[in-house]
């Protein structure tokens, strides 16, 4: 079994988080609805109620399954 370390994103990760959100939005055909700039992510990631988890770029892909109706 492969061990993967997951950590909470910090303001220093803002550019990576913003890029991931944009990529997901494009994939979901929702790019027009993404209006959060990298600088805003920096502020958001400094707030205790905003939690984004990151894994290493070299980790094996994990597959997510959508709930029916989504």
Protein backbone atom coordinates (compact mmCIF):
# COMPACT_ATOMS: atom_id res chain seq x y z
CA UNK A 1 0.00 0.00 0.00
CA UNK A 2 1.28 3.47 -0.89
CA UNK A 3 1.38 6.04 1.89
CA UNK A 4 0.29 9.55 0.91
CA UNK A 5 0.77 12.58 3.13
CA UNK A 6 -2.04 15.11 2.88
CA UNK A 7 -1.68 18.58 4.34
CA UNK A 8 -3.74 21.69 4.74
CA UNK A 9 -3.09 24.38 2.09
CA UNK A 10 -1.57 27.63 3.32
CA UNK A 11 -1.57 31.12 1.78
CA UNK A 12 1.71 30.18 0.07
CA UNK A 13 -0.25 27.57 -1.92
CA UNK A 14 -2.71 30.13 -3.31
CA UNK A 15 -1.47 30.01 -6.90
CA UNK A 16 -1.62 26.19 -6.98
CA UNK A 17 -5.09 26.11 -5.42
CA UNK A 18 -6.35 28.75 -7.85
CA UNK A 19 -4.92 26.78 -10.79
CA UNK A 20 -6.57 23.56 -9.61
CA UNK A 21 -9.93 25.27 -9.16
CA UNK A 22 -9.68 26.74 -12.68
CA UNK A 23 -8.76 23.33 -14.14
CA UNK A 24 -11.71 21.66 -12.43
CA UNK A 25 -14.03 24.44 -13.59
CA UNK A 26 -12.88 24.03 -17.20
CA UNK A 27 -13.34 20.26 -16.95
CA UNK A 28 -16.87 20.77 -15.60
CA UNK A 29 -17.62 23.44 -18.25
CA UNK A 30 -18.03 26.05 -15.49
CA UNK A 31 -14.99 28.27 -16.08
CA UNK A 32 -17.20 31.34 -16.53
CA UNK A 33 -18.28 30.98 -12.91
CA UNK A 34 -14.78 31.14 -11.36
CA UNK A 35 -14.11 34.67 -10.13
CA UNK A 36 -11.54 34.20 -7.34
CA UNK A 37 -8.09 35.62 -8.12
CA UNK A 38 -4.85 34.18 -6.72
CA UNK A 39 -4.62 37.09 -4.27
CA UNK A 40 -8.11 36.29 -2.96
CA UNK A 41 -7.12 32.66 -2.47
CA UNK A 42 -4.14 33.85 -0.46
CA UNK A 43 -6.49 35.67 1.94
CA UNK A 44 -9.02 32.82 2.00
CA UNK A 45 -6.42 30.18 2.82
CA UNK A 46 -5.38 32.22 5.86
CA UNK A 47 -8.88 31.92 7.35
CA UNK A 48 -9.50 29.07 9.81
CA UNK A 49 -12.90 28.15 8.34
CA UNK A 50 -11.51 27.66 4.80
CA UNK A 51 -10.00 24.20 4.49
CA UNK A 52 -8.30 22.95 1.33
CA UNK A 53 -6.28 19.75 1.48
CA UNK A 54 -3.32 19.04 -0.78
CA UNK A 55 -1.32 15.93 -1.54
CA UNK A 56 2.06 15.63 -3.22
CA UNK A 57 2.26 16.08 -6.98
CA UNK A 58 3.92 12.67 -7.26
CA UNK A 59 1.10 10.79 -5.50
CA UNK A 60 -0.80 8.16 -7.46
CA UNK A 61 -4.15 9.31 -8.80
CA UNK A 62 -7.14 8.80 -6.59
CA UNK A 63 -10.46 8.30 -8.29
CA UNK A 64 -13.53 10.16 -7.10
CA UNK A 65 -17.02 9.05 -7.86
CA UNK A 66 -19.87 11.49 -8.22
CA UNK A 67 -23.06 11.07 -6.35
CA UNK A 68 -26.05 10.29 -8.59
CA UNK A 69 -27.81 13.39 -9.85
CA UNK A 70 -24.73 15.62 -9.79
